[in-house]
Amino acid sequence: IISFGKSVATTNTGTTGEMKATSFAIGGVYSGDLGDGHGLKGGLYYGRNKADASGNAFTAAQINAQSINSLNVGIGYSYAFNKTAALTVDYDQGSFKNQLALSSTNAVTASLLSVGVRFKF
């Protein structure tokens, strides 16, 4: 998984800043069949995250922040309507230190809940 993002902000004091985030993750997923179309999966992912900051809203230390490693976990459920379509519900969570915070003890937790339909061809 490779992800690129960009965020621009202006504070109420008139300072502005821009942050570009880059993430790379690799992991493994276990998928098991519970019978009658029900399935369960679990995953463990290792990620490398970096945010490049610019602008006068950030300090020099925040602008020169290093890449951060993270360990993410996920769990999912699926119900197959037939051999080609299944309803899926997945929850993923990761936690890593906030590289833009002044304190190295600041941690950020990111969660993602997704619901969808998977088709097999």
PDB file of N, CA and C in Angstrom:
ATOM      1  N   ILE A   1       0.854  -1.168   0.000  1.00  0.00           N
ATOM      2  CA  ILE A   1       0.000   0.000   0.000  1.00  0.00           C
ATOM      3  C   ILE A   1       0.895   1.223   0.000  1.00  0.00           C
ATOM      4  N   ILE A   2       0.666   2.116  -0.907  1.00  0.00           N
ATOM      5  CA  ILE A   2       1.393   3.373  -0.951  1.00  0.00           C
ATOM      6  C   ILE A   2       0.354   4.481  -0.956  1.00  0.00           C
ATOM      7  N   SER A   3       0.542   5.478  -0.097  1.00  0.00           N
ATOM      8  CA  SER A   3      -0.443   6.548   0.033  1.00  0.00           C
ATOM      9  C   SER A   3       0.263   7.900   0.038  1.00  0.00           C
ATOM     10  N   PHE A   4      -0.295   8.850  -0.690  1.00  0.00           N
ATOM     11  CA  PHE A   4       0.223  10.210  -0.721  1.00  0.00           C
ATOM     12  C   PHE A   4      -0.921  11.153  -0.370  1.00  0.00           C
ATOM     13  N   GLY A   5      -0.667  12.138   0.459  1.00  0.00           N
ATOM     14  CA  GLY A   5      -1.703  13.086   0.836  1.00  0.00           C
ATOM     15  C   GLY A   5      -1.122  14.467   1.021  1.00  0.00           C
ATOM     16  N   LYS A   6      -1.972  15.483   0.972  1.00  0.00           N
ATOM     17  CA  LYS A   6      -1.520  16.855   1.122  1.00  0.00           C
ATOM     18  C   LYS A   6      -2.587  17.626   1.881  1.00  0.00           C
ATOM     19  N   SER A   7      -2.141  18.460   2.822  1.00  0.00           N
ATOM     20  CA  SER A   7      -3.059  19.266   3.610  1.00  0.00           C
ATOM     21  C   SER A   7      -2.483  20.668   3.754  1.00  0.00           C
ATOM     22  N   VAL A   8      -3.335  21.674   3.602  1.00  0.00           N
ATOM     23  CA  VAL A   8      -2.929  23.073   3.756  1.00  0.00           C
ATOM     24  C   VAL A   8      -3.813  23.706   4.817  1.00  0.00           C
ATOM     25  N   ALA A   9      -3.194  24.472   5.735  1.00  0.00           N
ATOM     26  CA  ALA A   9      -3.959  25.080   6.825  1.00  0.00           C
ATOM     27  C   ALA A   9      -3.508  26.508   7.073  1.00  0.00           C
ATOM     28  N   THR A  10      -4.458  27.335   7.510  1.00  0.00           N
ATOM     29  CA  THR A  10      -4.174  28.699   7.953  1.00  0.00           C
ATOM     30  C   THR A  10      -4.720  28.852   9.367  1.00  0.00           C
ATOM     31  N   THR A  11      -3.894  29.343  10.276  1.00  0.00           N
ATOM     32  CA  THR A  11      -4.328  29.499  11.663  1.00  0.00           C
ATOM     33  C   THR A  11      -5.037  30.828  11.851  1.00  0.00           C
ATOM     34  N   ASN A  12      -5.665  31.004  13.022  1.00  0.00           N
ATOM     35  CA  ASN A  12      -6.368  32.264  13.285  1.00  0.00           C
ATOM     36  C   ASN A  12      -5.398  33.409  13.561  1.00  0.00           C
ATOM     37  N   THR A  13      -4.098  33.126  13.670  1.00  0.00           N
ATOM     38  CA  THR A  13      -3.109  34.188  13.841  1.00  0.00           C
ATOM     39  C   THR A  13      -2.477  34.582  12.516  1.00  0.00           C
ATOM     40  N   GLY A  14      -2.933  33.982  11.427  1.00  0.00           N
ATOM     41  CA  GLY A  14      -2.449  34.346  10.106  1.00  0.00           C
ATOM     42  C   GLY A  14      -1.285  33.519   9.606  1.00  0.00           C
ATOM     43  N   THR A  15      -0.790  32.567  10.388  1.00  0.00           N
ATOM     44  CA  THR A  15       0.292  31.714   9.908  1.00  0.00           C
ATOM     45  C   THR A  15      -0.286  30.632   9.009  1.00  0.00           C
ATOM     46  N   THR A  16       0.512  30.201   8.068  1.00  0.00           N
ATOM     47  CA  THR A  16       0.064  29.154   7.140  1.00  0.00           C
ATOM     48  C   THR A  16       1.081  28.017   7.110  1.00  0.00           C
ATOM     49  N   GLY A  17       0.621  26.870   6.724  1.00  0.00           N
ATOM     50  CA  GLY A  17       1.511  25.726   6.615  1.00  0.00           C
ATOM     51  C   GLY A  17       0.952  24.705   5.663  1.00  0.00           C
ATOM     52  N   GLU A  18       1.836  23.928   5.115  1.00  0.00           N
ATOM     53  CA  GLU A  18       1.459  22.870   4.199  1.00  0.00           C
ATOM     54  C   GLU A  18       2.158  21.596   4.644  1.00  0.00           C
ATOM     55  N   MET A  19       1.440  20.484   4.617  1.00  0.00           N
ATOM     56  CA  MET A  19       2.016  19.202   5.000  1.00  0.00           C
ATOM     57  C   MET A  19       1.701  18.184   3.922  1.00  0.00           C
ATOM     58  N   LYS A  20       2.741  17.501   3.459  1.00  0.00           N
ATOM     59  CA  LYS A  20       2.590  16.421   2.485  1.00  0.00           C
ATOM     60  C   LYS A  20       2.972  15.124   3.179  1.00  0.00           C
ATOM     61  N   ALA A  21       2.048  14.171   3.188  1.00  0.00           N
ATOM     62  CA  ALA A  21       2.282  12.902   3.867  1.00  0.00           C
ATOM     63  C   ALA A  21       2.523  11.791   2.859  1.00  0.00           C
ATOM     64  N   THR A  22       3.451  10.898   3.192  1.00  0.00           N
ATOM     65  CA  THR A  22       3.750   9.735   2.386  1.00  0.00           C
ATOM     66  C   THR A  22       3.769   8.518   3.301  1.00  0.00           C
ATOM     67  N   SER A  23       3.111   7.446   2.901  1.00  0.00           N
ATOM     68  CA  SER A  23       3.092   6.213   3.686  1.00  0.00           C
ATOM     69  C   SER A  23       3.364   5.026   2.785  1.00  0.00           C
ATOM     70  N   PHE A  24       4.043   4.050   3.337  1.00  0.00           N
ATOM     71  CA  PHE A  24       4.294   2.777   2.664  1.00  0.00           C
ATOM     72  C   PHE A  24       4.034   1.680   3.683  1.00  0.00           C
ATOM     73  N   ALA A  25       3.292   0.667   3.311  1.00  0.00           N
ATOM     74  CA  ALA A  25       2.981  -0.418   4.248  1.00  0.00           C
ATOM     75  C   ALA A  25       3.100  -1.769   3.558  1.00  0.00           C
ATOM     76  N   ILE A  26       3.523  -2.748   4.331  1.00  0.00           N
ATOM     77  CA  ILE A  26       3.583  -4.121   3.858  1.00  0.00           C
ATOM     78  C   ILE A  26       3.095  -5.009   5.003  1.00  0.00           C
ATOM     79  N   GLY A  27       2.399  -6.060   4.680  1.00  0.00           N
ATOM     80  CA  GLY A  27       1.864  -6.888   5.758  1.00  0.00           C
ATOM     81  C   GLY A  27       1.355  -8.219   5.265  1.00  0.00           C
ATOM     82  N   GLY A  28       0.764  -8.919   6.190  1.00  0.00           N
ATOM     83  CA  GLY A  28       0.199 -10.217   5.880  1.00  0.00           C
ATOM     84  C   GLY A  28      -1.241 -10.290   6.341  1.00  0.00           C
ATOM     85  N   VAL A  29      -2.039 -11.060   5.628  1.00  0.00           N
ATOM     86  CA  VAL A  29      -3.459 -11.196   5.946  1.00  0.00           C
ATOM     87  C   VAL A  29      -3.802 -12.676   6.037  1.00  0.00           C
ATOM     88  N   TYR A  30      -4.550 -13.027   7.067  1.00  0.00           N
ATOM     89  CA  TYR A  30      -5.103 -14.376   7.195  1.00  0.00           C
ATOM     90  C   TYR A  30      -6.582 -14.289   6.859  1.00  0.00           C
ATOM     91  N   SER A  31      -7.056 -15.199   6.052  1.00  0.00           N
ATOM     92  CA  SER A  31      -8.461 -15.230   5.676  1.00  0.00           C
ATOM     93  C   SER A  31      -8.985 -16.636   5.893  1.00  0.00           C
ATOM     94  N   GLY A  32     -10.075 -16.749   6.674  1.00  0.00           N
ATOM     95  CA  GLY A  32     -10.634 -18.061   6.969  1.00  0.00           C
ATOM     96  C   GLY A  32     -12.112 -18.143   6.644  1.00  0.00           C
ATOM     97  N   ASP A  33     -12.539 -19.306   6.219  1.00  0.00           N
ATOM     98  CA  ASP A  33     -13.942 -19.553   5.895  1.00  0.00           C
ATOM     99  C   ASP A  33     -14.629 -20.151   7.115  1.00  0.00           C
ATOM    100  N   LEU A  34     -15.712 -19.493   7.582  1.00  0.00           N
ATOM    101  CA  LEU A  34     -16.459 -19.973   8.737  1.00  0.00           C
ATOM    102  C   LEU A  34     -17.644 -20.843   8.341  1.00  0.00           C
ATOM    103  N   GLY A  35     -17.877 -21.019   7.059  1.00  0.00           N
ATOM    104  CA  GLY A  35     -18.984 -21.831   6.558  1.00  0.00           C
ATOM    105  C   GLY A  35     -20.223 -21.007   6.266  1.00  0.00           C
ATOM    106  N   ASP A  36     -21.080 -21.519   5.439  1.00  0.00           N
ATOM    107  CA  ASP A  36     -22.338 -20.869   5.037  1.00  0.00           C
ATOM    108  C   ASP A  36     -22.134 -19.449   4.500  1.00  0.00           C
ATOM    109  N   GLY A  37     -21.034 -19.202   3.815  1.00  0.00           N
ATOM    110  CA  GLY A  37     -20.779 -17.900   3.210  1.00  0.00           C
ATOM    111  C   GLY A  37     -20.124 -16.888   4.127  1.00  0.00           C
ATOM    112  N   HIS A  38     -19.928 -17.221   5.394  1.00  0.00           N
ATOM    113  CA  HIS A  38     -19.314 -16.293   6.349  1.00  0.00           C
ATOM    114  C   HIS A  38     -17.803 -16.459   6.333  1.00  0.00           C
ATOM    115  N   GLY A  39     -17.094 -15.336   6.412  1.00  0.00           N
ATOM    116  CA  GLY A  39     -15.634 -15.378   6.427  1.00  0.00           C
ATOM    117  C   GLY A  39     -15.073 -14.380   7.420  1.00  0.00           C
ATOM    118  N   LEU A  40     -13.874 -14.650   7.874  1.00  0.00           N
ATOM    119  CA  LEU A  40     -13.192 -13.783   8.833  1.00  0.00           C
ATOM    120  C   LEU A  40     -11.764 -13.587   8.352  1.00  0.00           C
ATOM    121  N   LYS A  41     -11.241 -12.366   8.515  1.00  0.00           N
ATOM    122  CA  LYS A  41      -9.848 -12.146   8.146  1.00  0.00           C
ATOM    123  C   LYS A  41      -9.192 -11.255   9.183  1.00  0.00           C
ATOM    124  N   GLY A  42      -7.896 -11.374   9.274  1.00  0.00           N
ATOM    125  CA  GLY A  42      -7.112 -10.551  10.184  1.00  0.00           C
ATOM    126  C   GLY A  42      -5.798 -10.224   9.520  1.00  0.00           C
ATOM    127  N   GLY A  43      -5.255  -9.066   9.841  1.00  0.00           N
ATOM    128  CA  GLY A  43      -4.009  -8.661   9.210  1.00  0.00           C
ATOM    129  C   GLY A  43      -3.101  -7.908  10.158  1.00  0.00           C
ATOM    130  N   LEU A  44      -1.822  -7.963   9.867  1.00  0.00           N
ATOM    131  CA  LEU A  44      -0.806  -7.236  10.601  1.00  0.00           C
ATOM    132  C   LEU A  44       0.060  -6.546   9.563  1.00  0.00           C
ATOM    133  N   TYR A  45       0.234  -5.238   9.695  1.00  0.00           N
ATOM    134  CA  TYR A  45       0.926  -4.437   8.692  1.00  0.00           C
ATOM    135  C   TYR A  45       2.019  -3.610   9.360  1.00  0.00           C
ATOM    136  N   TYR A  46       3.143  -3.509   8.695  1.00  0.00           N
ATOM    137  CA  TYR A  46       4.221  -2.628   9.128  1.00  0.00           C
ATOM    138  C   TYR A  46       4.224  -1.436   8.183  1.00  0.00           C
ATOM    139  N   GLY A  47       4.210  -0.233   8.738  1.00  0.00           N
ATOM    140  CA  GLY A  47       4.165   0.960   7.907  1.00  0.00           C
ATOM    141  C   GLY A  47       5.302   1.913   8.193  1.00  0.00           C
ATOM    142  N   ARG A  48       5.661   2.683   7.191  1.00  0.00           N
ATOM    143  CA  ARG A  48       6.665   3.749   7.312  1.00  0.00           C
ATOM    144  C   ARG A  48       5.977   5.014   6.845  1.00  0.00           C
ATOM    145  N   ASN A  49       5.896   6.010   7.740  1.00  0.00           N
ATOM    146  CA  ASN A  49       5.146   7.234   7.470  1.00  0.00           C
ATOM    147  C   ASN A  49       6.061   8.441   7.573  1.00  0.00           C
ATOM    148  N   LYS A  50       5.856   9.404   6.699  1.00  0.00           N
ATOM    149  CA  LYS A  50       6.636  10.640   6.727  1.00  0.00           C
ATOM    150  C   LYS A  50       5.737  11.795   6.332  1.00  0.00           C
ATOM    151  N   ALA A  51       5.866  12.898   7.050  1.00  0.00           N
ATOM    152  CA  ALA A  51       5.140  14.118   6.711  1.00  0.00           C
ATOM    153  C   ALA A  51       6.150  15.234   6.514  1.00  0.00           C
ATOM    154  N   ASP A  52       6.172  15.826   5.340  1.00  0.00           N
ATOM    155  CA  ASP A  52       7.043  16.960   5.048  1.00  0.00           C
ATOM    156  C   ASP A  52       6.240  18.233   5.232  1.00  0.00           C
ATOM    157  N   ALA A  53       6.703  19.095   6.141  1.00  0.00           N
ATOM    158  CA  ALA A  53       5.983  20.324   6.463  1.00  0.00           C
ATOM    159  C   ALA A  53       6.732  21.540   5.930  1.00  0.00           C
ATOM    160  N   SER A  54       5.978  22.570   5.593  1.00  0.00           N
ATOM    161  CA  SER A  54       6.568  23.838   5.174  1.00  0.00           C
ATOM    162  C   SER A  54       5.634  24.965   5.594  1.00  0.00           C
ATOM    163  N   GLY A  55       6.166  26.168   5.649  1.00  0.00           N
ATOM    164  CA  GLY A  55       5.363  27.331   6.022  1.00  0.00           C
ATOM    165  C   GLY A  55       5.714  27.832   7.406  1.00  0.00           C
ATOM    166  N   ASN A  56       5.205  29.006   7.742  1.00  0.00           N
ATOM    167  CA  ASN A  56       5.558  29.618   9.024  1.00  0.00           C
ATOM    168  C   ASN A  56       4.696  29.124  10.183  1.00  0.00           C
ATOM    169  N   ALA A  57       3.819  28.160   9.970  1.00  0.00           N
ATOM    170  CA  ALA A  57       3.018  27.594  11.057  1.00  0.00           C
ATOM    171  C   ALA A  57       3.775  26.480  11.774  1.00  0.00           C
ATOM    172  N   PHE A  58       4.924  26.057  11.224  1.00  0.00           N
ATOM    173  CA  PHE A  58       5.692  24.965  11.806  1.00  0.00           C
ATOM    174  C   PHE A  58       7.058  25.458  12.245  1.00  0.00           C
ATOM    175  N   THR A  59       7.628  24.793  13.255  1.00  0.00           N
ATOM    176  CA  THR A  59       8.979  25.105  13.707  1.00  0.00           C
ATOM    177  C   THR A  59       9.974  24.382  12.810  1.00  0.00           C
ATOM    178  N   ALA A  60      11.257  24.747  12.924  1.00  0.00           N
ATOM    179  CA  ALA A  60      12.303  24.104  12.126  1.00  0.00           C
ATOM    180  C   ALA A  60      12.387  22.615  12.450  1.00  0.00           C
ATOM    181  N   ALA A  61      12.218  22.265  13.731  1.00  0.00           N
ATOM    182  CA  ALA A  61      12.268  20.851  14.114  1.00  0.00           C
ATOM    183  C   ALA A  61      11.120  20.075  13.494  1.00  0.00           C
ATOM    184  N   GLN A  62       9.951  20.679  13.408  1.00  0.00           N
ATOM    185  CA  GLN A  62       8.810  20.015  12.804  1.00  0.00           C
ATOM    186  C   GLN A  62       8.989  19.867  11.300  1.00  0.00           C
ATOM    187  N   ILE A  63       9.562  20.859  10.657  1.00  0.00           N
ATOM    188  CA  ILE A  63       9.783  20.812   9.210  1.00  0.00           C
ATOM    189  C   ILE A  63      10.798  19.735   8.857  1.00  0.00           C
ATOM    190  N   ASN A  64      11.785  19.518   9.713  1.00  0.00           N
ATOM    191  CA  ASN A  64      12.835  18.524   9.453  1.00  0.00           C
ATOM    192  C   ASN A  64      12.541  17.184  10.114  1.00  0.00           C
ATOM    193  N   ALA A  65      11.277  16.860  10.341  1.00  0.00           N
ATOM    194  CA  ALA A  65      10.892  15.619  11.009  1.00  0.00           C
ATOM    195  C   ALA A  65      11.336  14.401  10.200  1.00  0.00           C
ATOM    196  N   GLN A  66      11.628  13.324  10.914  1.00  0.00           N
ATOM    197  CA  GLN A  66      12.080  12.088  10.294  1.00  0.00           C
ATOM    198  C   GLN A  66      10.902  11.152  10.021  1.00  0.00           C
ATOM    199  N   SER A  67      11.161  10.097   9.271  1.00  0.00           N
ATOM    200  CA  SER A  67      10.145   9.077   9.019  1.00  0.00           C
ATOM    201  C   SER A  67       9.841   8.328  10.311  1.00  0.00           C
ATOM    202  N   ILE A  68       8.607   7.876  10.439  1.00  0.00           N
ATOM    203  CA  ILE A  68       8.140   7.175  11.632  1.00  0.00           C
ATOM    204  C   ILE A  68       7.658   5.782  11.228  1.00  0.00           C
ATOM    205  N   ASN A  69       8.021   4.780  12.016  1.00  0.00           N
ATOM    206  CA  ASN A  69       7.554   3.419  11.791  1.00  0.00           C
ATOM    207  C   ASN A  69       6.273   3.183  12.581  1.00  0.00           C
ATOM    208  N   SER A  70       5.397   2.348  12.064  1.00  0.00           N
ATOM    209  CA  SER A  70       4.163   2.044  12.784  1.00  0.00           C
ATOM    210  C   SER A  70       3.778   0.586  12.550  1.00  0.00           C
ATOM    211  N   LEU A  71       3.044   0.051  13.508  1.00  0.00           N
ATOM    212  CA  LEU A  71       2.500  -1.293  13.397  1.00  0.00           C
ATOM    213  C   LEU A  71       0.980  -1.168  13.392  1.00  0.00           C
ATOM    214  N   ASN A  72       0.337  -1.703  12.387  1.00  0.00           N
ATOM    215  CA  ASN A  72      -1.105  -1.582  12.220  1.00  0.00           C
ATOM    216  C   ASN A  72      -1.745  -2.965  12.246  1.00  0.00           C
ATOM    217  N   VAL A  73      -2.961  -3.035  12.759  1.00  0.00           N
ATOM    218  CA  VAL A  73      -3.706  -4.291  12.794  1.00  0.00           C
ATOM    219  C   VAL A  73      -5.061  -4.090  12.129  1.00  0.00           C
ATOM    220  N   GLY A  74      -5.611  -5.167  11.624  1.00  0.00           N
ATOM    221  CA  GLY A  74      -6.920  -5.092  10.989  1.00  0.00           C
ATOM    222  C   GLY A  74      -7.684  -6.382  11.178  1.00  0.00           C
ATOM    223  N   ILE A  75      -8.987  -6.263  11.162  1.00  0.00           N
ATOM    224  CA  ILE A  75      -9.870  -7.416  11.259  1.00  0.00           C
ATOM    225  C   ILE A  75     -11.041  -7.180  10.310  1.00  0.00           C
ATOM    226  N   GLY A  76     -11.573  -8.240   9.757  1.00  0.00           N
ATOM    227  CA  GLY A  76     -12.669  -8.079   8.818  1.00  0.00           C
ATOM    228  C   GLY A  76     -13.612  -9.265   8.822  1.00  0.00           C
ATOM    229  N   TYR A  77     -14.818  -9.005   8.344  1.00  0.00           N
ATOM    230  CA  TYR A  77     -15.866 -10.020   8.232  1.00  0.00           C
ATOM    231  C   TYR A  77     -16.444  -9.927   6.827  1.00  0.00           C
ATOM    232  N   SER A  78     -16.807 -11.058   6.270  1.00  0.00           N
ATOM    233  CA  SER A  78     -17.458 -11.050   4.959  1.00  0.00           C
ATOM    234  C   SER A  78     -18.587 -12.063   4.931  1.00  0.00           C
ATOM    235  N   TYR A  79     -19.568 -11.745   4.125  1.00  0.00           N
ATOM    236  CA  TYR A  79     -20.669 -12.672   3.876  1.00  0.00           C
ATOM    237  C   TYR A  79     -20.848 -12.777   2.361  1.00  0.00           C
ATOM    238  N   ALA A  80     -20.658 -13.968   1.831  1.00  0.00           N
ATOM    239  CA  ALA A  80     -20.769 -14.199   0.390  1.00  0.00           C
ATOM    240  C   ALA A  80     -22.217 -14.471   0.009  1.00  0.00           C
ATOM    241  N   PHE A  81     -22.747 -13.619  -0.865  1.00  0.00           N
ATOM    242  CA  PHE A  81     -24.102 -13.830  -1.396  1.00  0.00           C
ATOM    243  C   PHE A  81     -24.122 -15.028  -2.338  1.00  0.00           C
ATOM    244  N   ASN A  82     -23.055 -15.132  -3.127  1.00  0.00           N
ATOM    245  CA  ASN A  82     -22.881 -16.228  -4.070  1.00  0.00           C
ATOM    246  C   ASN A  82     -21.381 -16.369  -4.332  1.00  0.00           C
ATOM    247  N   LYS A  83     -20.988 -17.081  -5.398  1.00  0.00           N
ATOM    248  CA  LYS A  83     -19.559 -17.296  -5.660  1.00  0.00           C
ATOM    249  C   LYS A  83     -18.839 -16.058  -6.169  1.00  0.00           C
ATOM    250  N   THR A  84     -19.577 -15.032  -6.603  1.00  0.00           N
ATOM    251  CA  THR A  84     -18.920 -13.861  -7.184  1.00  0.00           C
ATOM    252  C   THR A  84     -19.069 -12.575  -6.383  1.00  0.00           C
ATOM    253  N   ALA A  85     -19.981 -12.493  -5.406  1.00  0.00           N
ATOM    254  CA  ALA A  85     -20.200 -11.237  -4.677  1.00  0.00           C
ATOM    255  C   ALA A  85     -20.282 -11.489  -3.168  1.00  0.00           C
ATOM    256  N   ALA A  86     -19.656 -10.591  -2.410  1.00  0.00           N
ATOM    257  CA  ALA A  86     -19.673 -10.714  -0.948  1.00  0.00           C
ATOM    258  C   ALA A  86     -19.740  -9.327  -0.315  1.00  0.00           C
ATOM    259  N   LEU A  87     -20.456  -9.215   0.774  1.00  0.00           N
ATOM    260  CA  LEU A  87     -20.486  -8.005   1.597  1.00  0.00           C
ATOM    261  C   LEU A  87     -19.287  -8.063   2.535  1.00  0.00           C
ATOM    262  N   THR A  88     -18.542  -6.974   2.665  1.00  0.00           N
ATOM    263  CA  THR A  88     -17.368  -6.957   3.536  1.00  0.00           C
ATOM    264  C   THR A  88     -17.448  -5.805   4.527  1.00  0.00           C
ATOM    265  N   VAL A  89     -16.967  -6.039   5.733  1.00  0.00           N
ATOM    266  CA  VAL A  89     -16.820  -5.020   6.770  1.00  0.00           C
ATOM    267  C   VAL A  89     -15.410  -5.176   7.323  1.00  0.00           C
ATOM    268  N   ASP A  90     -14.613  -4.112   7.273  1.00  0.00           N
ATOM    269  CA  ASP A  90     -13.228  -4.170   7.727  1.00  0.00           C
ATOM    270  C   ASP A  90     -12.937  -3.023   8.687  1.00  0.00           C
ATOM    271  N   TYR A  91     -12.103  -3.296   9.686  1.00  0.00           N
ATOM    272  CA  TYR A  91     -11.662  -2.279  10.638  1.00  0.00           C
ATOM    273  C   TYR A  91     -10.143  -2.373  10.753  1.00  0.00           C
ATOM    274  N   ASP A  92      -9.467  -1.266  10.516  1.00  0.00           N
ATOM    275  CA  ASP A  92      -8.009  -1.200  10.614  1.00  0.00           C
ATOM    276  C   ASP A  92      -7.627  -0.094  11.582  1.00  0.00           C
ATOM    277  N   GLN A  93      -6.563  -0.330  12.361  1.00  0.00           N
ATOM    278  CA  GLN A  93      -6.099   0.688  13.310  1.00  0.00           C
ATOM    279  C   GLN A  93      -4.582   0.670  13.382  1.00  0.00           C
ATOM    280  N   GLY A  94      -4.008   1.852  13.420  1.00  0.00           N
ATOM    281  CA  GLY A  94      -2.564   1.994  13.564  1.00  0.00           C
ATOM    282  C   GLY A  94      -2.253   3.093  14.552  1.00  0.00           C
ATOM    283  N   SER A  95      -1.114   2.997  15.185  1.00  0.00           N
ATOM    284  CA  SER A  95      -0.695   3.999  16.156  1.00  0.00           C
ATOM    285  C   SER A  95       0.776   4.295  15.931  1.00  0.00           C
ATOM    286  N   PHE A  96       1.119   5.571  15.904  1.00  0.00           N
ATOM    287  CA  PHE A  96       2.511   5.955  15.733  1.00  0.00           C
ATOM    288  C   PHE A  96       2.728   7.308  16.380  1.00  0.00           C
ATOM    289  N   LYS A  97       3.985   7.619  16.656  1.00  0.00           N
ATOM    290  CA  LYS A  97       4.287   8.901  17.287  1.00  0.00           C
ATOM    291  C   LYS A  97       4.057  10.027  16.298  1.00  0.00           C
ATOM    292  N   ASN A  98       3.567  11.134  16.798  1.00  0.00           N
ATOM    293  CA  ASN A  98       3.288  12.303  15.978  1.00  0.00           C
ATOM    294  C   ASN A  98       4.591  13.049  15.727  1.00  0.00           C
ATOM    295  N   GLN A  99       5.106  12.954  14.511  1.00  0.00           N
ATOM    296  CA  GLN A  99       6.389  13.565  14.231  1.00  0.00           C
ATOM    297  C   GLN A  99       6.324  15.087  14.158  1.00  0.00           C
ATOM    298  N   LEU A 100       5.135  15.663  14.040  1.00  0.00           N
ATOM    299  CA  LEU A 100       5.028  17.121  13.998  1.00  0.00           C
ATOM    300  C   LEU A 100       4.794  17.727  15.372  1.00  0.00           C
ATOM    301  N   ALA A 101       4.621  16.896  16.389  1.00  0.00           N
ATOM    302  CA  ALA A 101       4.424  17.407  17.749  1.00  0.00           C
ATOM    303  C   ALA A 101       5.777  17.765  18.353  1.00  0.00           C
ATOM    304  N   LEU A 102       5.772  18.703  19.279  1.00  0.00           N
ATOM    305  CA  LEU A 102       7.017  19.100  19.929  1.00  0.00           C
ATOM    306  C   LEU A 102       7.473  18.041  20.921  1.00  0.00           C
ATOM    307  N   SER A 103       6.568  17.256  21.447  1.00  0.00           N
ATOM    308  CA  SER A 103       6.892  16.217  22.409  1.00  0.00           C
ATOM    309  C   SER A 103       6.966  14.873  21.704  1.00  0.00           C
ATOM    310  N   SER A 104       8.018  14.105  21.991  1.00  0.00           N
ATOM    311  CA  SER A 104       8.167  12.806  21.342  1.00  0.00           C
ATOM    312  C   SER A 104       7.212  11.764  21.923  1.00  0.00           C
ATOM    313  N   THR A 105       6.481  12.113  22.985  1.00  0.00           N
ATOM    314  CA  THR A 105       5.541  11.158  23.573  1.00  0.00           C
ATOM    315  C   THR A 105       4.151  11.269  22.966  1.00  0.00           C
ATOM    316  N   ASN A 106       3.924  12.249  22.123  1.00  0.00           N
ATOM    317  CA  ASN A 106       2.623  12.402  21.476  1.00  0.00           C
ATOM    318  C   ASN A 106       2.393  11.259  20.506  1.00  0.00           C
ATOM    319  N   ALA A 107       1.290  10.579  20.634  1.00  0.00           N
ATOM    320  CA  ALA A 107       0.972   9.476  19.726  1.00  0.00           C
ATOM    321  C   ALA A 107      -0.311   9.787  18.974  1.00  0.00           C
ATOM    322  N   VAL A 108      -0.352   9.351  17.737  1.00  0.00           N
ATOM    323  CA  VAL A 108      -1.528   9.520  16.889  1.00  0.00           C
ATOM    324  C   VAL A 108      -2.076   8.132  16.597  1.00  0.00           C
ATOM    325  N   THR A 109      -3.384   7.969  16.750  1.00  0.00           N
ATOM    326  CA  THR A 109      -4.032   6.717  16.397  1.00  0.00           C
ATOM    327  C   THR A 109      -4.970   6.985  15.227  1.00  0.00           C
ATOM    328  N   ALA A 110      -4.800   6.209  14.181  1.00  0.00           N
ATOM    329  CA  ALA A 110      -5.655   6.343  13.001  1.00  0.00           C
ATOM    330  C   ALA A 110      -6.478   5.077  12.845  1.00  0.00           C
ATOM    331  N   SER A 111      -7.772   5.245  12.635  1.00  0.00           N
ATOM    332  CA  SER A 111      -8.683   4.106  12.470  1.00  0.00           C
ATOM    333  C   SER A 111      -9.449   4.247  11.167  1.00  0.00           C
ATOM    334  N   LEU A 112      -9.771   3.116  10.572  1.00  0.00           N
ATOM    335  CA  LEU A 112     -10.549   3.109   9.338  1.00  0.00           C
ATOM    336  C   LEU A 112     -11.570   1.984   9.412  1.00  0.00           C
ATOM    337  N   LEU A 113     -12.830   2.327   9.255  1.00  0.00           N
ATOM    338  CA  LEU A 113     -13.915   1.361   9.169  1.00  0.00           C
ATOM    339  C   LEU A 113     -14.471   1.451   7.757  1.00  0.00           C
ATOM    340  N   SER A 114     -14.490   0.322   7.058  1.00  0.00           N
ATOM    341  CA  SER A 114     -14.998   0.339   5.690  1.00  0.00           C
ATOM    342  C   SER A 114     -16.011  -0.784   5.490  1.00  0.00           C
ATOM    343  N   VAL A 115     -17.025  -0.471   4.711  1.00  0.00           N
ATOM    344  CA  VAL A 115     -18.065  -1.414   4.347  1.00  0.00           C
ATOM    345  C   VAL A 115     -18.155  -1.412   2.836  1.00  0.00           C
ATOM    346  N   GLY A 116     -18.207  -2.586   2.243  1.00  0.00           N
ATOM    347  CA  GLY A 116     -18.242  -2.625   0.794  1.00  0.00           C
ATOM    348  C   GLY A 116     -18.732  -3.943   0.245  1.00  0.00           C
ATOM    349  N   VAL A 117     -18.689  -4.037  -1.061  1.00  0.00           N
ATOM    350  CA  VAL A 117     -19.047  -5.264  -1.765  1.00  0.00           C
ATOM    351  C   VAL A 117     -17.842  -5.681  -2.587  1.00  0.00           C
ATOM    352  N   ARG A 118     -17.453  -6.940  -2.465  1.00  0.00           N
ATOM    353  CA  ARG A 118     -16.300  -7.471  -3.200  1.00  0.00           C
ATOM    354  C   ARG A 118     -16.826  -8.388  -4.295  1.00  0.00           C
ATOM    355  N   PHE A 119     -16.295  -8.199  -5.492  1.00  0.00           N
ATOM    356  CA  PHE A 119     -16.667  -9.039  -6.634  1.00  0.00           C
ATOM    357  C   PHE A 119     -15.469  -9.876  -7.065  1.00  0.00           C
ATOM    358  N   LYS A 120     -15.672 -11.142  -7.362  1.00  0.00           N
ATOM    359  CA  LYS A 120     -14.644 -12.023  -7.901  1.00  0.00           C
ATOM    360  C   LYS A 120     -14.952 -12.304  -9.352  1.00  0.00           C
ATOM    361  N   PHE A 121     -13.919 -12.307 -10.169  1.00  0.00           N
ATOM    362  CA  PHE A 121     -14.086 -12.576 -11.593  1.00  0.00           C
ATOM    363  C   PHE A 121     -13.436 -13.866 -11.965  1.00  0.00           C
TER     364      PHE A 121
END
